Amino acid sequence: MSTTAEKLTRNQSLVFDCLSHSAGPLSAYTILDQLRDHGFKAPLQVYRALDKLTDAGLVHRLESMNAYVACAHPDEDCTHHGMTAFAICEGCGAVIEFHAHDIEESLTALARSHNFKPQRMTVEMRGLCAACQN
């Protein structure tokens, strides 16, 4: 685990561990339900932890699902990955995280040509993974 992950609060660590051990993306309310035995009582506790984990690059939000996944590369500095892309299987719910630098460069050039400075880029593709195609 990265140095950033070692400096997490108790709640952040619990939320991160919950996501790290999950087979798929989790909503904040699912995380809350799983952590009630650890003293979590309100969604705000989960959302605060998720915000800090997202800022640290340890967790990603899947916009189309309103759910979260642990970063597939937590030992790297995820805040400097640039664009993060996700392939989301509509069959089993699996999420594959990857970085497409050529697409990022194209989008950055397009943004620059319109005098726009992106702060974050996320691409989500939906379809079927290899297992679900068979």
C-alpha atoms as a PDB file:
ATOM      1  CA  MET A   1       0.000   0.000   0.000  1.00  0.00           C
ATOM      2  CA  SER A   2       1.255   3.481  -0.778  1.00  0.00           C
ATOM      3  CA  THR A   3       2.445   6.105   1.659  1.00  0.00           C
ATOM      4  CA  THR A   4      -0.835   7.963   1.136  1.00  0.00           C
ATOM      5  CA  ALA A   5      -2.813   4.874   2.162  1.00  0.00           C
ATOM      6  CA  GLU A   6      -0.719   4.540   5.317  1.00  0.00           C
ATOM      7  CA  LYS A   7      -1.869   8.013   6.468  1.00  0.00           C
ATOM      8  CA  LEU A   8      -5.590   7.281   6.286  1.00  0.00           C
ATOM      9  CA  THR A   9      -7.971   7.869   9.162  1.00  0.00           C
ATOM     10  CA  ARG A  10      -9.793   4.892  10.675  1.00  0.00           C
ATOM     11  CA  ASN A  11     -12.949   5.583   8.640  1.00  0.00           C
ATOM     12  CA  GLN A  12     -10.991   6.091   5.427  1.00  0.00           C
ATOM     13  CA  SER A  13      -9.125   2.819   6.002  1.00  0.00           C
ATOM     14  CA  LEU A  14     -12.357   0.933   6.617  1.00  0.00           C
ATOM     15  CA  VAL A  15     -13.972   2.328   3.470  1.00  0.00           C
ATOM     16  CA  PHE A  16     -10.832   1.665   1.416  1.00  0.00           C
ATOM     17  CA  ASP A  17     -10.614  -1.916   2.720  1.00  0.00           C
ATOM     18  CA  CYS A  18     -14.297  -2.452   1.946  1.00  0.00           C
ATOM     19  CA  LEU A  19     -13.764  -1.366  -1.653  1.00  0.00           C
ATOM     20  CA  SER A  20     -10.448  -3.199  -1.988  1.00  0.00           C
ATOM     21  CA  HIS A  21     -12.040  -6.507  -1.021  1.00  0.00           C
ATOM     22  CA  SER A  22     -15.178  -6.034  -3.099  1.00  0.00           C
ATOM     23  CA  ALA A  23     -15.755  -8.065  -6.250  1.00  0.00           C
ATOM     24  CA  GLY A  24     -17.288  -5.025  -7.949  1.00  0.00           C
ATOM     25  CA  PRO A  25     -18.269  -1.378  -7.562  1.00  0.00           C
ATOM     26  CA  LEU A  26     -20.136  -0.339  -4.417  1.00  0.00           C
ATOM     27  CA  SER A  27     -22.503   2.529  -3.750  1.00  0.00           C
ATOM     28  CA  ALA A  28     -21.981   4.677  -0.672  1.00  0.00           C
ATOM     29  CA  TYR A  29     -25.093   3.134   0.897  1.00  0.00           C
ATOM     30  CA  THR A  30     -23.819  -0.405   0.317  1.00  0.00           C
ATOM     31  CA  ILE A  31     -20.552   0.590   1.984  1.00  0.00           C
ATOM     32  CA  LEU A  32     -22.534   2.081   4.880  1.00  0.00           C
ATOM     33  CA  ASP A  33     -24.476  -1.173   5.301  1.00  0.00           C
ATOM     34  CA  GLN A  34     -21.265  -3.204   5.304  1.00  0.00           C
ATOM     35  CA  LEU A  35     -19.602  -0.949   7.882  1.00  0.00           C
ATOM     36  CA  ARG A  36     -22.445  -0.505  10.384  1.00  0.00           C
ATOM     37  CA  ASP A  37     -20.801  -3.023  12.732  1.00  0.00           C
ATOM     38  CA  HIS A  38     -17.712  -0.771  12.720  1.00  0.00           C
ATOM     39  CA  GLY A  39     -19.644   2.230  14.031  1.00  0.00           C
ATOM     40  CA  PHE A  40     -20.783   3.825  10.783  1.00  0.00           C
ATOM     41  CA  LYS A  41     -24.216   5.336  11.321  1.00  0.00           C
ATOM     42  CA  ALA A  42     -24.712   7.969   8.626  1.00  0.00           C
ATOM     43  CA  PRO A  43     -24.038   8.294   4.887  1.00  0.00           C
ATOM     44  CA  LEU A  44     -22.019  11.451   5.561  1.00  0.00           C
ATOM     45  CA  GLN A  45     -19.327   9.348   7.264  1.00  0.00           C
ATOM     46  CA  VAL A  46     -18.947   7.270   4.102  1.00  0.00           C
ATOM     47  CA  TYR A  47     -19.079  10.251   1.741  1.00  0.00           C
ATOM     48  CA  ARG A  48     -16.393  12.132   3.688  1.00  0.00           C
ATOM     49  CA  ALA A  49     -14.106   9.111   3.522  1.00  0.00           C
ATOM     50  CA  LEU A  50     -14.852   8.589  -0.179  1.00  0.00           C
ATOM     51  CA  ASP A  51     -14.089  12.245  -0.954  1.00  0.00           C
ATOM     52  CA  LYS A  52     -10.674  12.023   0.737  1.00  0.00           C
ATOM     53  CA  LEU A  53      -9.895   8.661  -0.867  1.00  0.00           C
ATOM     54  CA  THR A  54     -10.883   9.998  -4.285  1.00  0.00           C
ATOM     55  CA  ASP A  55      -8.732  13.109  -3.791  1.00  0.00           C
ATOM     56  CA  ALA A  56      -5.810  10.847  -2.826  1.00  0.00           C
ATOM     57  CA  GLY A  57      -6.302   8.796  -5.996  1.00  0.00           C
ATOM     58  CA  LEU A  58      -6.997   5.592  -4.062  1.00  0.00           C
ATOM     59  CA  VAL A  59     -10.646   5.330  -5.118  1.00  0.00           C
ATOM     60  CA  HIS A  60     -12.452   6.157  -8.347  1.00  0.00           C
ATOM     61  CA  ARG A  61     -16.087   7.141  -8.804  1.00  0.00           C
ATOM     62  CA  LEU A  62     -17.940   5.493 -11.645  1.00  0.00           C
ATOM     63  CA  GLU A  63     -20.191   8.338 -12.709  1.00  0.00           C
ATOM     64  CA  SER A  64     -22.642   6.245 -14.723  1.00  0.00           C
ATOM     65  CA  MET A  65     -23.261   3.885 -11.794  1.00  0.00           C
ATOM     66  CA  ASN A  66     -22.934   6.344  -8.908  1.00  0.00           C
ATOM     67  CA  ALA A  67     -20.614   3.781  -7.355  1.00  0.00           C
ATOM     68  CA  TYR A  68     -16.972   3.513  -6.306  1.00  0.00           C
ATOM     69  CA  VAL A  69     -14.068   1.159  -6.927  1.00  0.00           C
ATOM     70  CA  ALA A  70     -10.621   0.945  -5.386  1.00  0.00           C
ATOM     71  CA  CYS A  71      -7.856   2.078  -7.709  1.00  0.00           C
ATOM     72  CA  ALA A  72      -6.314  -0.853  -9.582  1.00  0.00           C
ATOM     73  CA  HIS A  73      -2.887   0.759  -9.081  1.00  0.00           C
ATOM     74  CA  PRO A  74      -2.866   1.968  -5.449  1.00  0.00           C
ATOM     75  CA  ASP A  75       0.936   1.856  -5.201  1.00  0.00           C
ATOM     76  CA  GLU A  76       1.276   4.424  -7.977  1.00  0.00           C
ATOM     77  CA  ASP A  77       0.444   8.097  -7.688  1.00  0.00           C
ATOM     78  CA  CYS A  78      -3.066   7.855  -9.154  1.00  0.00           C
ATOM     79  CA  THR A  79      -3.603  11.584  -8.915  1.00  0.00           C
ATOM     80  CA  HIS A  80      -1.122  11.972 -11.782  1.00  0.00           C
ATOM     81  CA  HIS A  81      -2.437   9.199 -14.043  1.00  0.00           C
ATOM     82  CA  GLY A  82      -4.288  11.755 -16.098  1.00  0.00           C
ATOM     83  CA  MET A  83      -7.317  10.230 -17.745  1.00  0.00           C
ATOM     84  CA  THR A  84      -8.699   7.077 -16.192  1.00  0.00           C
ATOM     85  CA  ALA A  85     -10.807   4.760 -18.312  1.00  0.00           C
ATOM     86  CA  PHE A  86     -13.090   1.964 -17.192  1.00  0.00           C
ATOM     87  CA  ALA A  87     -14.598  -0.978 -19.048  1.00  0.00           C
ATOM     88  CA  ILE A  88     -17.758  -1.972 -17.171  1.00  0.00           C
ATOM     89  CA  CYS A  89     -19.304  -5.374 -17.886  1.00  0.00           C
ATOM     90  CA  GLU A  90     -23.090  -5.227 -18.032  1.00  0.00           C
ATOM     91  CA  GLY A  91     -23.244  -8.991 -17.549  1.00  0.00           C
ATOM     92  CA  CYS A  92     -21.297  -9.613 -14.337  1.00  0.00           C
ATOM     93  CA  GLY A  93     -20.514  -6.062 -13.187  1.00  0.00           C
ATOM     94  CA  ALA A  94     -16.734  -6.468 -13.422  1.00  0.00           C
ATOM     95  CA  VAL A  95     -14.763  -3.252 -13.818  1.00  0.00           C
ATOM     96  CA  ILE A  96     -11.420  -3.035 -15.602  1.00  0.00           C
ATOM     97  CA  GLU A  97      -9.379   0.126 -15.025  1.00  0.00           C
ATOM     98  CA  PHE A  98      -6.858   1.249 -17.593  1.00  0.00           C
ATOM     99  CA  HIS A  99      -5.071   4.327 -18.853  1.00  0.00           C
ATOM    100  CA  ALA A 100      -5.252   5.330 -22.515  1.00  0.00           C
ATOM    101  CA  HIS A 101      -2.581   7.960 -22.960  1.00  0.00           C
ATOM    102  CA  ASP A 102      -3.241   8.437 -26.689  1.00  0.00           C
ATOM    103  CA  ILE A 103      -6.919   9.200 -26.030  1.00  0.00           C
ATOM    104  CA  GLU A 104      -5.929  11.514 -23.186  1.00  0.00           C
ATOM    105  CA  GLU A 105      -3.562  13.414 -25.477  1.00  0.00           C
ATOM    106  CA  SER A 106      -6.286  13.776 -28.130  1.00  0.00           C
ATOM    107  CA  LEU A 107      -8.847  15.032 -25.609  1.00  0.00           C
ATOM    108  CA  THR A 108      -6.310  17.424 -24.093  1.00  0.00           C
ATOM    109  CA  ALA A 109      -5.513  18.842 -27.541  1.00  0.00           C
ATOM    110  CA  LEU A 110      -9.232  19.220 -28.293  1.00  0.00           C
ATOM    111  CA  ALA A 111      -9.805  20.980 -24.978  1.00  0.00           C
ATOM    112  CA  ARG A 112      -6.808  23.260 -25.572  1.00  0.00           C
ATOM    113  CA  SER A 113      -8.151  24.205 -29.018  1.00  0.00           C
ATOM    114  CA  HIS A 114     -11.321  25.425 -27.270  1.00  0.00           C
ATOM    115  CA  ASN A 115      -9.354  27.231 -24.540  1.00  0.00           C
ATOM    116  CA  PHE A 116     -10.596  24.744 -21.934  1.00  0.00           C
ATOM    117  CA  LYS A 117      -8.445  23.311 -19.171  1.00  0.00           C
ATOM    118  CA  PRO A 118      -9.705  19.909 -17.972  1.00  0.00           C
ATOM    119  CA  GLN A 119      -9.162  19.071 -14.320  1.00  0.00           C
ATOM    120  CA  ARG A 120     -10.170  15.434 -14.550  1.00  0.00           C
ATOM    121  CA  MET A 121     -11.002  13.036 -17.364  1.00  0.00           C
ATOM    122  CA  THR A 122     -12.864   9.775 -16.956  1.00  0.00           C
ATOM    123  CA  VAL A 123     -14.088   7.514 -19.715  1.00  0.00           C
ATOM    124  CA  GLU A 124     -16.556   4.716 -19.054  1.00  0.00           C
ATOM    125  CA  MET A 125     -17.294   2.014 -21.605  1.00  0.00           C
ATOM    126  CA  ARG A 126     -20.112  -0.444 -21.092  1.00  0.00           C
ATOM    127  CA  GLY A 127     -20.315  -3.847 -22.706  1.00  0.00           C
ATOM    128  CA  LEU A 128     -19.483  -7.480 -22.006  1.00  0.00           C
ATOM    129  CA  CYS A 129     -16.252  -8.900 -20.635  1.00  0.00           C
ATOM    130  CA  ALA A 130     -14.675 -11.981 -22.231  1.00  0.00           C
ATOM    131  CA  ALA A 131     -16.336 -14.360 -19.749  1.00  0.00           C
ATOM    132  CA  CYS A 132     -19.815 -12.924 -20.332  1.00  0.00           C
ATOM    133  CA  GLN A 133     -19.403 -13.009 -24.113  1.00  0.00           C
ATOM    134  CA  ASN A 134     -19.168 -16.810 -24.018  1.00  0.00           C
END
